[in-house]
Each structure stands twice: as structure tokens, then as C-alpha cells.
């Protein structure tokens, strides 16, 4: 069995060196993965932090749970994720999600069709992450880009999803979902089906 640790509780009390030490301890204690959230309205940049951590630990998988989609264009996120993946030697798991509307309101971001946003976001993100090329035009997202270096080992991409429509998009277009605040009954009866 693989067991990871969610380092989100560290956000309010740790600095960069504190996160590095926390991740080293997690690796020494036998955890197989280390996860960070990115608060959309301030705080540490999770991918930058995982790059620093990844250069300081040897084996542990590093992941985001989650990077909010609305504030970051998928081409910008793909470039950053591919850079992190190369810097930490192929140990990145990129978790994305739409975040909470109240937080997006604080940034002046609103979308009345969130499932369309999620689908179009993945239509732009996934080809660029997997092949280094994208050329899509949707109702809300347009992306035409080529990676400047070859994609050797793309990071796994998961999507935070709880509702049936978001779960279908995550299951069809990504490696799956990452969950928070749910128990085994919800996973068995709602998420898996």
C-alpha cells in the first residue's frame, strides 16, 4: 500500500526551509508521496515549492492537490509543470481543479458554465503536457503552443471532482480524480460509479 502525506496544514506556519524539512521527514518516515495545495488568493506557489522540495528529497512523489484552473492559463500551467517535472526527475503528479467560487470571486473570476471550462481546460492542457503541442479553440479557452524542448516524461494529471459531470470529465480526460473531505462510503457509492 502506498500512503502519502498532505502538507496543506503547513501553509500557515512553515517557510520554505520548513517545507523542505517536513518533506525530508515524510520521506524518511516512509511516506510515498507529498502533496501541496495552492491557495488561489495568496501564499506559496505550490509548483515552485515542490521544485525546491524535489531537489532536496530523493524518492518521494510530489503532487499538487490542487492548482486552481481559473487564474492560470493551461499553456502557462503546462510550461511550469513540464519544467518542474524535469527539475525533480519525473516525480510530479499535477492535480488541478476549479477551486471554490467564493475564492474566484475574490479574484474577479466567474464562469457560469464550469464543466465547459473544465473540459476546455483539459483539451488545452493535456496535449501540451503529453506531446508538447496544442492547437485548440473553445468557447472559453484558446491555446496554440509548442513546447520548446521535447516532453520526455509527462506528469500525471488528476482533477479535483465531486459532482457527476466533473467526475465524468476527469475520468475521460485525465488520470482520474483526487479527493478531499470524503470517506470510504462516498468513494464506493458515488465516486467510483
Protein backbone atom coordinates (compact mmCIF):
# COMPACT_ATOMS: atom_id res chain seq x y z
CA UNK A 1 0.00 0.00 0.00
CA UNK A 2 1.17 3.50 -0.83
CA UNK A 3 0.47 6.24 1.70
CA UNK A 4 1.10 9.93 1.10
CA UNK A 5 1.01 13.00 3.29
CA UNK A 6 -0.94 16.19 2.66
CA UNK A 7 1.23 19.15 3.64
CA UNK A 8 -1.51 21.77 3.30
CA UNK A 9 -1.61 22.29 7.08
CA UNK A 10 1.97 23.56 6.80
CA UNK A 11 0.88 26.54 4.67
CA UNK A 12 0.06 28.74 7.64
CA UNK A 13 3.15 28.00 9.67
CA UNK A 14 6.08 26.94 7.50
CA UNK A 15 8.59 28.81 5.42
CA UNK A 16 10.48 27.30 2.51
CA UNK A 17 13.08 25.64 4.73
CA UNK A 18 10.26 24.33 6.94
CA UNK A 19 8.58 22.68 3.96
CA UNK A 20 11.84 21.11 2.83
CA UNK A 21 12.43 19.68 6.30
CA UNK A 22 8.82 18.47 6.52
CA UNK A 23 9.16 16.64 3.17
CA UNK A 24 12.51 15.12 4.16
CA UNK A 25 10.94 13.81 7.36
CA UNK A 26 7.97 12.42 5.40
CA UNK A 27 10.35 10.59 3.06
CA UNK A 28 12.43 9.25 5.96
CA UNK A 29 9.24 8.10 7.70
CA UNK A 30 8.30 6.06 4.64
CA UNK A 31 5.58 8.14 3.01
CA UNK A 32 5.49 7.57 -0.76
CA UNK A 33 4.04 10.95 -1.76
CA UNK A 34 3.91 14.55 -0.55
CA UNK A 35 1.03 16.83 -1.59
CA UNK A 36 0.55 20.60 -1.50
CA UNK A 37 -2.44 22.77 -2.21
CA UNK A 38 -2.19 26.20 -3.75
CA UNK A 39 -4.39 28.81 -2.17
CA UNK A 40 -5.70 30.83 -5.11
CA UNK A 41 -5.70 34.22 -3.39
CA UNK A 42 -2.20 34.34 -1.96
CA UNK A 43 0.56 32.33 -0.40
CA UNK A 44 3.16 29.98 -1.75
CA UNK A 45 3.23 28.85 -5.35
CA UNK A 46 2.87 25.08 -4.98
CA UNK A 47 4.81 24.12 -8.11
CA UNK A 48 7.75 26.36 -7.25
CA UNK A 49 7.73 24.98 -3.70
CA UNK A 50 7.67 21.39 -5.00
CA UNK A 51 10.64 22.16 -7.24
CA UNK A 52 12.65 23.30 -4.22
CA UNK A 53 11.49 20.28 -2.22
CA UNK A 54 12.12 17.90 -5.10
CA UNK A 55 15.74 18.97 -5.34
CA UNK A 56 16.12 18.11 -1.62
CA UNK A 57 14.48 14.66 -1.46
CA UNK A 58 15.35 11.54 -3.43
CA UNK A 59 12.38 9.21 -3.91
CA UNK A 60 9.09 10.66 -2.75
CA UNK A 61 6.47 11.56 -5.38
CA UNK A 62 5.43 15.21 -5.25
CA UNK A 63 1.97 16.42 -6.13
CA UNK A 64 -0.39 19.35 -6.19
CA UNK A 65 -3.85 18.97 -4.77
CA UNK A 66 -4.82 21.31 -6.30
CA UNK A 67 -3.73 24.11 -8.63
CA UNK A 68 -6.83 26.24 -9.40
CA UNK A 69 -7.55 26.44 -13.14
CA UNK A 70 -9.24 29.82 -13.46
CA UNK A 71 -6.26 32.04 -12.52
CA UNK A 72 -3.77 30.17 -14.75
CA UNK A 73 -4.00 29.68 -18.49
CA UNK A 74 -3.42 26.00 -19.38
CA UNK A 75 -0.42 26.83 -21.59
CA UNK A 76 1.28 28.64 -18.70
CA UNK A 77 0.49 25.78 -16.33
CA UNK A 78 1.76 23.17 -18.80
CA UNK A 79 5.05 25.02 -19.20
CA UNK A 80 5.52 25.28 -15.47
CA UNK A 81 4.53 21.64 -14.85
CA UNK A 82 6.89 20.34 -17.54
CA UNK A 83 9.72 22.42 -16.08
CA UNK A 84 9.03 21.10 -12.57
CA UNK A 85 8.78 17.54 -13.89
CA UNK A 86 12.23 17.85 -15.46
CA UNK A 87 13.72 19.53 -12.38
CA UNK A 88 12.51 16.85 -9.96
CA UNK A 89 13.35 13.92 -12.21
CA UNK A 90 9.88 12.73 -13.17
CA UNK A 91 8.14 12.65 -9.79
CA UNK A 92 5.35 15.22 -10.33
CA UNK A 93 1.65 14.49 -10.11
CA UNK A 94 -0.28 17.58 -11.24
CA UNK A 95 -3.64 17.92 -9.55
CA UNK A 96 -5.86 20.67 -10.90
CA UNK A 97 -9.36 21.86 -10.10
CA UNK A 98 -11.78 24.71 -10.42
CA UNK A 99 -11.42 25.73 -6.75
CA UNK A 100 -14.23 27.39 -4.82
CA UNK A 101 -16.34 30.10 -6.43
CA UNK A 102 -16.04 32.37 -3.39
CA UNK A 103 -12.25 32.39 -3.84
CA UNK A 104 -12.56 33.01 -7.57
CA UNK A 105 -14.93 35.91 -6.81
CA UNK A 106 -12.12 37.48 -4.77
CA UNK A 107 -10.06 37.44 -7.98
CA UNK A 108 -12.90 38.74 -10.15
CA UNK A 109 -13.17 35.40 -11.98
CA UNK A 110 -16.56 33.88 -12.70
CA UNK A 111 -17.82 31.31 -15.16
CA UNK A 112 -21.45 30.31 -15.44
CA UNK A 113 -20.52 27.03 -17.17
CA UNK A 114 -17.83 25.40 -15.01
CA UNK A 115 -17.98 21.97 -16.66
CA UNK A 116 -17.39 23.56 -20.07
CA UNK A 117 -14.43 25.41 -18.54
CA UNK A 118 -13.01 22.19 -17.08
CA UNK A 119 -13.41 20.26 -20.35
CA UNK A 120 -11.85 23.03 -22.45
CA UNK A 121 -9.05 23.50 -19.93
CA UNK A 122 -8.14 19.82 -20.22
CA UNK A 123 -8.47 19.94 -24.03
CA UNK A 124 -5.70 22.55 -23.96
CA UNK A 125 -3.58 21.25 -21.08
CA UNK A 126 -3.39 17.53 -21.82
CA UNK A 127 -1.98 17.62 -25.39
CA UNK A 128 0.68 20.12 -24.40
CA UNK A 129 1.67 18.09 -21.32
CA UNK A 130 1.66 14.78 -23.20
CA UNK A 131 3.04 15.69 -26.63
CA UNK A 132 4.36 19.24 -26.39
CA UNK A 133 1.84 20.55 -28.94
CA UNK A 134 -1.63 22.06 -28.74
CA UNK A 135 -3.93 23.91 -31.11
CA UNK A 136 -7.48 24.22 -29.81
CA UNK A 137 -10.17 26.86 -29.85
CA UNK A 138 -13.07 26.53 -27.46
CA UNK A 139 -15.77 28.88 -26.26
CA UNK A 140 -13.71 29.99 -23.25
CA UNK A 141 -10.13 28.85 -23.91
CA UNK A 142 -7.92 29.17 -26.94
CA UNK A 143 -4.46 27.64 -26.97
CA UNK A 144 -1.87 27.29 -29.69
CA UNK A 145 1.60 26.41 -28.47
CA UNK A 146 4.60 24.14 -28.86
CA UNK A 147 6.98 23.16 -26.08
CA UNK A 148 10.49 24.43 -26.76
CA UNK A 149 12.04 21.16 -25.63
CA UNK A 150 10.74 17.60 -26.06
CA UNK A 151 8.39 16.15 -23.48
CA UNK A 152 10.29 13.15 -22.14
CA UNK A 153 8.10 12.01 -19.25
CA UNK A 154 4.80 13.86 -18.83
CA UNK A 155 3.47 14.30 -15.32
CA UNK A 156 0.29 12.50 -14.35
CA UNK A 157 -2.68 14.90 -14.31
CA UNK A 158 -5.64 14.43 -11.97
CA UNK A 159 -8.70 16.60 -11.46
CA UNK A 160 -10.47 17.52 -8.23
CA UNK A 161 -14.04 16.44 -8.87
CA UNK A 162 -17.05 15.51 -6.76
CA UNK A 163 -20.10 16.13 -8.95
CA UNK A 164 -21.18 13.60 -11.59
CA UNK A 165 -20.38 15.84 -14.57
CA UNK A 166 -16.92 16.80 -13.29
CA UNK A 167 -16.19 13.17 -12.43
CA UNK A 168 -17.08 12.11 -15.98
CA UNK A 169 -14.76 14.76 -17.45
CA UNK A 170 -11.95 13.78 -15.05
CA UNK A 171 -12.36 10.09 -15.83
CA UNK A 172 -12.45 10.63 -19.58
CA UNK A 173 -9.73 13.26 -19.97
CA UNK A 174 -7.20 12.77 -17.14
CA UNK A 175 -5.63 10.06 -14.99
CA UNK A 176 -8.57 10.34 -12.60
CA UNK A 177 -9.60 12.39 -9.63
CA UNK A 178 -8.08 13.49 -6.36
CA UNK A 179 -10.42 13.85 -3.43
CA UNK A 180 -10.77 15.78 -0.20
CA UNK A 181 -13.32 15.68 2.57
CA UNK A 182 -14.85 12.35 1.55
CA UNK A 183 -14.90 8.97 3.23
CA UNK A 184 -14.91 5.38 2.01
CA UNK A 185 -18.70 5.20 1.59
CA UNK A 186 -18.74 8.26 -0.68
CA UNK A 187 -15.86 6.87 -2.70
CA UNK A 188 -17.54 3.47 -3.05
CA UNK A 189 -21.10 4.70 -3.69
CA UNK A 190 -20.56 7.97 -5.57
CA UNK A 191 -17.03 8.49 -6.91
CA UNK A 192 -16.23 5.04 -8.30
CA UNK A 193 -19.54 4.57 -10.17
